[in-house]
């Protein structure tokens, strides 16, 4: 031996001292998970288990999946993906006749890692058939309070921001959020459902408000930049925020709002500036859903040079799926807020190395 040693590595999570530091957060996670199961059971929801392996992992342009190869006994092969959400399978169960379901699903997202992102995480997803999406807003408020009680906190704290999980959430439309925080109006730049908004006037308005704009930006690029830089940091301060009525072009799986097809029945839940949940009044028009997926995959091919297959089984099921509303909530992020953890890895029993 030459006496040299590799640079010191970060100690693994299974070291007893590190596990002891994380254990209070993990015990909080166990209590919160048990409380969630009891909460849904009390409302006659069924807990379901859907496959992790999927033919299509989802069809959103900026969503990245892990792929794997399936080998048949005759050596034939094809590609399957680890799910990015249990959504397609859950909606097939609605088509089959279930009316209230939830799943605590392990899901997988590639290209994601950070203090509030992990490549494998747990998504709480639930669906109500024949219910308006406003019912999910009430569900979200209940879940925040439930998690706080189970986690033993009276206030959420994250990155210097406080949020009272027991206060009724503020309901804020995107039009109002732009007026309040972005420095220009969104309303003149909305288009009816099915039509792509014009990027040039929107980009010009954003640039005039001091937002960085690139010559090859799409409408969605500009919208996302305004949302991330100007709006999201202000949400969920003092009390939770329900950011709702997204432009229809930014809600590929949501139905248009009755009376105003420029916006969709989509909302996101925020606390302490952190996005916790995404919810829809579900689109059940199979042809329109196909069109939207194809637009998303064209954009994915343009940006990343790949596209995911459409789940034809899912599109067929939409034809008999009842009117419904559904939500997806990041369980790990909720546990972070409800236990005082600062990193998502502190609330995962065994983080990915």
Protein backbone atom coordinates (compact mmCIF):
# COMPACT_ATOMS: atom_id res chain seq x y z
CA UNK A 1 0.00 0.00 0.00
CA UNK A 2 1.23 3.49 -0.77
CA UNK A 3 -0.51 5.07 2.18
CA UNK A 4 -2.88 7.15 0.07
CA UNK A 5 -6.61 7.05 0.89
CA UNK A 6 -9.64 8.15 -1.08
CA UNK A 7 -11.24 11.43 -0.15
CA UNK A 8 -13.71 11.12 2.68
CA UNK A 9 -17.18 10.18 1.44
CA UNK A 10 -20.48 11.25 2.90
CA UNK A 11 -21.48 8.71 5.52
CA UNK A 12 -24.35 6.45 4.34
CA UNK A 13 -27.82 6.73 5.82
CA UNK A 14 -27.54 3.33 7.54
CA UNK A 15 -24.80 4.47 9.93
CA UNK A 16 -26.39 4.32 13.42
CA UNK A 17 -25.62 7.93 14.31
CA UNK A 18 -27.07 9.26 11.07
CA UNK A 19 -30.14 7.04 11.38
CA UNK A 20 -30.63 8.26 14.96
CA UNK A 21 -30.68 11.87 13.71
CA UNK A 22 -33.25 11.01 11.04
CA UNK A 23 -35.40 8.67 13.11
CA UNK A 24 -37.74 11.33 14.59
CA UNK A 25 -38.66 12.41 11.08
CA UNK A 26 -39.22 8.81 10.01
CA UNK A 27 -41.45 8.10 13.01
CA UNK A 28 -43.41 11.21 12.08
CA UNK A 29 -43.73 9.84 8.56
CA UNK A 30 -45.16 6.57 9.92
CA UNK A 31 -47.75 8.44 12.01
CA UNK A 32 -48.75 10.66 9.07
CA UNK A 33 -49.08 7.71 6.71
CA UNK A 34 -51.28 5.85 9.20
CA UNK A 35 -53.44 8.94 9.71
CA UNK A 36 -53.90 9.36 5.96
CA UNK A 37 -55.02 5.76 5.58
CA UNK A 38 -57.50 6.15 8.44
CA UNK A 39 -58.76 9.44 6.99
CA UNK A 40 -59.59 7.94 3.62
CA UNK A 41 -61.00 4.72 5.09
CA UNK A 42 -63.42 6.80 7.19
CA UNK A 43 -64.77 8.25 3.93
CA UNK A 44 -65.25 4.83 2.30
CA UNK A 45 -62.26 5.11 -0.02
CA UNK A 46 -60.58 1.92 -1.20
CA UNK A 47 -56.80 1.73 -1.07
CA UNK A 48 -55.59 0.30 -4.37
CA UNK A 49 -52.27 -0.99 -5.68
CA UNK A 50 -51.45 -0.41 -9.34
CA UNK A 51 -48.43 -1.58 -11.40
CA UNK A 52 -45.07 0.15 -11.23
CA UNK A 53 -44.19 -1.08 -14.73
CA UNK A 54 -46.12 0.70 -17.48
CA UNK A 55 -46.13 0.73 -21.26
CA UNK A 56 -46.39 4.53 -21.11
CA UNK A 57 -44.97 6.47 -18.15
CA UNK A 58 -47.01 9.58 -18.91
CA UNK A 59 -47.10 12.04 -21.79
CA UNK A 60 -45.93 15.39 -20.47
CA UNK A 61 -43.09 17.09 -22.33
CA UNK A 62 -40.88 17.83 -19.32
CA UNK A 63 -41.51 14.61 -17.43
CA UNK A 64 -38.63 12.11 -17.62
CA UNK A 65 -38.98 8.38 -16.91
CA UNK A 66 -36.69 5.44 -16.20
CA UNK A 67 -36.86 2.81 -18.94
CA UNK A 68 -36.27 -0.91 -18.66
CA UNK A 69 -36.28 -3.84 -21.09
CA UNK A 70 -38.76 -6.68 -20.72
CA UNK A 71 -37.53 -10.06 -22.01
CA UNK A 72 -40.04 -12.70 -23.05
CA UNK A 73 -39.33 -16.47 -22.75
CA UNK A 74 -38.77 -16.59 -26.54
CA UNK A 75 -36.12 -13.82 -26.22
CA UNK A 76 -38.37 -11.18 -27.75
CA UNK A 77 -38.10 -7.84 -25.97
CA UNK A 78 -39.84 -4.53 -25.59
CA UNK A 79 -39.52 -1.38 -23.46
CA UNK A 80 -41.42 -0.73 -20.28
CA UNK A 81 -41.12 2.26 -17.95
CA UNK A 82 -41.20 2.81 -14.21
CA UNK A 83 -44.31 4.87 -13.60
CA UNK A 84 -44.07 8.59 -13.00
CA UNK A 85 -47.58 8.50 -11.56
CA UNK A 86 -50.31 5.89 -10.93
CA UNK A 87 -52.77 8.15 -12.77
CA UNK A 88 -53.49 6.09 -15.88
CA UNK A 89 -54.10 2.89 -13.91
CA UNK A 90 -56.26 4.65 -11.33
CA UNK A 91 -58.46 6.13 -14.04
CA UNK A 92 -58.87 2.69 -15.57
CA UNK A 93 -60.22 1.57 -12.18
CA UNK A 94 -62.72 4.44 -12.30
CA UNK A 95 -63.77 3.22 -15.74
CA UNK A 96 -64.16 -0.25 -14.24
CA UNK A 97 -66.67 1.08 -11.72
CA UNK A 98 -64.74 2.18 -8.62
CA UNK A 99 -65.87 5.54 -7.27
CA UNK A 100 -63.51 6.48 -4.41
CA UNK A 101 -59.92 5.25 -4.50
CA UNK A 102 -56.52 6.27 -3.21
CA UNK A 103 -52.99 4.95 -3.51
CA UNK A 104 -49.73 5.63 -1.69
CA UNK A 105 -47.65 4.96 -4.76
CA UNK A 106 -43.91 4.68 -5.25
CA UNK A 107 -43.17 6.70 -8.37
CA UNK A 108 -40.01 7.51 -10.30
CA UNK A 109 -38.78 10.67 -12.03
CA UNK A 110 -35.49 10.89 -13.87
CA UNK A 111 -33.38 14.08 -13.96
CA UNK A 112 -34.68 15.07 -10.49
CA UNK A 113 -32.56 15.42 -7.36
CA UNK A 114 -32.33 18.16 -4.76
CA UNK A 115 -33.47 19.22 -1.28
CA UNK A 116 -37.12 18.71 -2.26
CA UNK A 117 -36.69 16.29 -5.21
CA UNK A 118 -35.73 12.62 -5.24
CA UNK A 119 -35.69 10.14 -8.16
CA UNK A 120 -37.95 7.74 -6.21
CA UNK A 121 -40.65 9.21 -4.01
CA UNK A 122 -44.15 8.53 -2.69
CA UNK A 123 -47.20 10.07 -4.29
CA UNK A 124 -50.57 10.09 -2.56
CA UNK A 125 -53.11 10.01 -5.36
CA UNK A 126 -56.87 9.96 -4.86
CA UNK A 127 -59.97 10.16 -7.04
CA UNK A 128 -63.62 10.99 -6.50
CA UNK A 129 -66.09 9.97 -9.20
CA UNK A 130 -69.05 12.33 -9.76
CA UNK A 131 -67.48 15.03 -7.58
CA UNK A 132 -66.43 18.59 -8.50
CA UNK A 133 -62.77 19.46 -8.24
CA UNK A 134 -63.62 21.88 -5.42
CA UNK A 135 -64.12 18.75 -3.28
CA UNK A 136 -60.39 18.11 -3.67
CA UNK A 137 -59.64 21.59 -2.33
CA UNK A 138 -61.43 20.61 0.89
CA UNK A 139 -59.51 17.32 0.91
CA UNK A 140 -56.20 19.19 0.66
CA UNK A 141 -57.08 21.46 3.59
CA UNK A 142 -58.01 18.41 5.67
CA UNK A 143 -54.76 16.63 4.81
CA UNK A 144 -52.60 19.59 5.82
CA UNK A 145 -54.23 19.77 9.24
CA UNK A 146 -54.13 15.99 9.64
CA UNK A 147 -50.40 15.86 8.82
CA UNK A 148 -49.61 18.70 11.22
CA UNK A 149 -51.42 16.96 14.08
CA UNK A 150 -49.74 13.63 13.35
CA UNK A 151 -46.35 15.29 12.95
CA UNK A 152 -46.74 17.21 16.20
CA UNK A 153 -46.38 20.74 14.82
CA UNK A 154 -48.68 23.76 14.97
CA UNK A 155 -46.93 25.65 12.18
CA UNK A 156 -45.10 24.65 9.00
CA UNK A 157 -41.64 26.25 8.64
CA UNK A 158 -39.46 25.96 5.53
CA UNK A 159 -36.62 28.14 4.29
CA UNK A 160 -37.58 31.00 6.58
CA UNK A 161 -41.27 30.96 5.60
CA UNK A 162 -44.14 30.05 7.94
CA UNK A 163 -47.54 28.62 7.05
CA UNK A 164 -50.43 27.78 9.37
CA UNK A 165 -51.75 24.36 8.22
CA UNK A 166 -54.96 24.85 10.20
CA UNK A 167 -56.01 28.01 8.37
CA UNK A 168 -58.38 27.79 5.41
CA UNK A 169 -56.30 28.01 2.21
CA UNK A 170 -56.38 31.12 0.07
CA UNK A 171 -57.88 30.44 -3.36
CA UNK A 172 -55.94 32.42 -5.99
CA UNK A 173 -56.52 32.24 -9.75
CA UNK A 174 -53.59 32.48 -12.17
CA UNK A 175 -55.09 35.67 -13.58
CA UNK A 176 -55.07 37.23 -10.11
CA UNK A 177 -51.62 35.84 -9.33
CA UNK A 178 -50.16 37.48 -12.46
CA UNK A 179 -51.80 40.77 -11.55
CA UNK A 180 -50.48 40.58 -7.99
CA UNK A 181 -46.94 39.28 -8.53
CA UNK A 182 -45.86 39.11 -12.18
CA UNK A 183 -46.10 42.77 -13.12
CA UNK A 184 -48.32 42.23 -16.16
CA UNK A 185 -51.71 40.79 -17.05
CA UNK A 186 -52.25 37.19 -18.09
CA UNK A 187 -55.83 37.58 -19.31
CA UNK A 188 -55.08 39.18 -22.75
CA UNK A 189 -52.80 36.21 -23.51
CA UNK A 190 -55.28 33.39 -22.91
CA UNK A 191 -56.80 31.42 -25.78
CA UNK A 192 -59.86 29.16 -25.97
CA UNK A 193 -59.30 25.52 -25.11
CA UNK A 194 -57.70 23.68 -28.01
CA UNK A 195 -55.94 26.73 -29.43
CA UNK A 196 -52.29 27.53 -28.77
CA UNK A 197 -51.82 31.04 -27.35
CA UNK A 198 -49.60 33.41 -29.34
CA UNK A 199 -46.10 33.47 -27.90
CA UNK A 200 -44.82 36.79 -29.32
CA UNK A 201 -47.14 39.22 -27.46
CA UNK A 202 -46.88 37.15 -24.27
CA UNK A 203 -43.09 37.07 -24.42
CA UNK A 204 -43.01 40.83 -25.12
CA UNK A 205 -45.21 41.55 -22.08
CA UNK A 206 -43.01 39.33 -19.91
CA UNK A 207 -39.83 41.02 -21.13
CA UNK A 208 -41.35 44.43 -20.42
CA UNK A 209 -41.96 43.23 -16.86
CA UNK A 210 -38.29 42.26 -16.49
CA UNK A 211 -38.59 38.52 -17.15
CA UNK A 212 -35.73 36.94 -19.12
CA UNK A 213 -37.01 35.74 -22.49
CA UNK A 214 -35.15 33.74 -25.15
CA UNK A 215 -35.85 33.93 -28.87
CA UNK A 216 -36.79 30.25 -29.05
CA UNK A 217 -39.07 30.25 -25.99
CA UNK A 218 -42.50 28.73 -26.36
CA UNK A 219 -45.57 30.15 -24.62
CA UNK A 220 -45.21 27.41 -22.01
CA UNK A 221 -41.54 28.31 -21.42
CA UNK A 222 -42.42 31.93 -20.67
CA UNK A 223 -45.37 30.94 -18.49
CA UNK A 224 -43.23 28.52 -16.48
CA UNK A 225 -40.50 31.10 -15.94
CA UNK A 226 -42.96 33.70 -14.67
CA UNK A 227 -44.54 31.11 -12.38
CA UNK A 228 -41.24 29.93 -10.90
CA UNK A 229 -39.53 33.31 -10.60
CA UNK A 230 -42.35 35.70 -9.75
CA UNK A 231 -45.33 33.78 -8.35
CA UNK A 232 -44.38 30.55 -6.56
CA UNK A 233 -42.03 32.19 -4.02
CA UNK A 234 -45.01 34.17 -2.63
CA UNK A 235 -47.44 31.27 -2.26
CA UNK A 236 -48.37 29.58 0.99
CA UNK A 237 -47.05 32.35 3.23
CA UNK A 238 -49.01 32.58 6.48
CA UNK A 239 -51.65 30.19 5.19
CA UNK A 240 -51.82 27.62 2.36
CA UNK A 241 -52.54 28.71 -1.21
CA UNK A 242 -54.65 26.95 -3.83
CA UNK A 243 -53.39 28.31 -7.17
CA UNK A 244 -56.21 27.55 -9.60
CA UNK A 245 -57.69 28.05 -13.06
CA UNK A 246 -54.56 27.35 -15.05
CA UNK A 247 -54.50 28.29 -18.75
CA UNK A 248 -56.01 25.39 -20.67
CA UNK A 249 -52.75 24.98 -22.60
CA UNK A 250 -51.03 24.24 -19.25
CA UNK A 251 -53.45 21.55 -18.11
CA UNK A 252 -53.16 18.62 -20.50
CA UNK A 253 -55.23 16.23 -18.36
CA UNK A 254 -57.86 18.67 -17.05
CA UNK A 255 -61.24 19.64 -18.44
CA UNK A 256 -61.98 23.28 -19.37
CA UNK A 257 -63.76 25.43 -16.82
CA UNK A 258 -67.50 25.64 -17.61
CA UNK A 259 -68.25 29.07 -19.01
CA UNK A 260 -64.60 29.98 -19.62
CA UNK A 261 -62.72 27.42 -21.75
CA UNK A 262 -59.61 29.61 -21.74
CA UNK A 263 -58.79 28.16 -18.32
CA UNK A 264 -58.98 24.67 -16.91
CA UNK A 265 -60.14 22.96 -13.73
CA UNK A 266 -56.64 22.58 -12.36
CA UNK A 267 -55.18 23.74 -9.07
CA UNK A 268 -51.91 23.32 -7.20
CA UNK A 269 -51.51 23.42 -3.42
CA UNK A 270 -48.65 25.42 -1.88
CA UNK A 271 -47.33 25.84 1.64
CA UNK A 272 -44.20 27.84 2.53
CA UNK A 273 -43.56 28.44 -1.19
CA UNK A 274 -43.36 24.66 -1.77
CA UNK A 275 -45.68 22.92 -4.22
CA UNK A 276 -47.40 19.99 -2.52
CA UNK A 277 -50.23 18.83 -4.77
CA UNK A 278 -51.64 19.03 -8.29
CA UNK A 279 -55.34 18.38 -8.94
CA UNK A 280 -57.75 18.26 -11.86
CA UNK A 281 -61.34 18.09 -12.84
CA UNK A 282 -60.53 15.17 -15.11
CA UNK A 283 -60.73 15.36 -18.89
CA UNK A 284 -62.74 12.40 -20.22
CA UNK A 285 -62.80 13.28 -23.94
CA UNK A 286 -60.54 10.59 -25.42
CA UNK A 287 -59.97 12.32 -28.76
CA UNK A 288 -59.08 15.63 -27.14
CA UNK A 289 -56.81 13.80 -24.69
CA UNK A 290 -55.04 12.08 -27.60
CA UNK A 291 -54.53 15.41 -29.35
CA UNK A 292 -53.06 16.98 -26.22
CA UNK A 293 -50.72 14.03 -25.63
CA UNK A 294 -49.47 14.22 -29.21
CA UNK A 295 -48.75 17.95 -28.80
CA UNK A 296 -46.82 17.19 -25.61
CA UNK A 297 -44.81 14.40 -27.25
CA UNK A 298 -43.99 16.59 -30.25
CA UNK A 299 -42.57 19.15 -27.82
CA UNK A 300 -40.65 16.44 -25.96
CA UNK A 301 -39.14 15.23 -29.22
CA UNK A 302 -38.15 18.79 -30.12
CA UNK A 303 -36.49 19.47 -26.77
CA UNK A 304 -35.09 16.09 -25.72
CA UNK A 305 -35.05 13.95 -28.86
CA UNK A 306 -37.37 11.27 -27.49
CA UNK A 307 -41.04 10.54 -27.10
CA UNK A 308 -43.04 8.08 -25.02
CA UNK A 309 -45.77 5.84 -26.45
CA UNK A 310 -49.40 6.63 -25.79
CA UNK A 311 -51.30 4.25 -23.54
CA UNK A 312 -54.03 3.16 -25.94
CA UNK A 313 -55.68 1.16 -23.17
CA UNK A 314 -55.97 4.33 -21.11
CA UNK A 315 -57.45 6.29 -24.01
CA UNK A 316 -60.02 3.53 -24.54
CA UNK A 317 -60.92 3.56 -20.84
CA UNK A 318 -61.59 7.32 -20.94
CA UNK A 319 -64.58 6.58 -23.14
CA UNK A 320 -66.40 4.93 -20.25
CA UNK A 321 -64.83 6.76 -17.29
CA UNK A 322 -67.39 8.74 -15.28
CA UNK A 323 -66.98 12.45 -14.54
CA UNK A 324 -64.37 12.61 -11.79
CA UNK A 325 -61.81 14.71 -10.00
CA UNK A 326 -58.37 13.57 -8.91
CA UNK A 327 -55.34 14.85 -7.03
CA UNK A 328 -51.69 13.89 -6.58
CA UNK A 329 -49.83 15.00 -3.46
CA UNK A 330 -46.13 14.58 -2.72
CA UNK A 331 -46.20 12.68 0.57
CA UNK A 332 -42.50 13.19 1.29
CA UNK A 333 -42.77 16.97 0.96
CA UNK A 334 -45.80 17.03 3.24
CA UNK A 335 -43.88 14.98 5.81
CA UNK A 336 -40.97 17.41 5.56
CA UNK A 337 -43.22 20.32 6.50
CA UNK A 338 -45.08 18.40 9.19
CA UNK A 339 -41.91 17.16 10.96
CA UNK A 340 -39.57 20.12 10.44
CA UNK A 341 -37.18 18.25 8.14
CA UNK A 342 -35.09 20.36 5.79
CA UNK A 343 -34.26 17.81 3.08
CA UNK A 344 -36.41 15.18 1.42
CA UNK A 345 -33.80 12.50 2.19
CA UNK A 346 -34.38 13.04 5.91
CA UNK A 347 -37.92 11.66 5.58
CA UNK A 348 -37.06 8.65 3.35
CA UNK A 349 -36.38 5.39 5.16
CA UNK A 350 -33.75 4.38 2.63
CA UNK A 351 -32.75 7.14 0.17
CA UNK A 352 -31.39 6.22 -3.27
CA UNK A 353 -27.59 6.32 -3.09
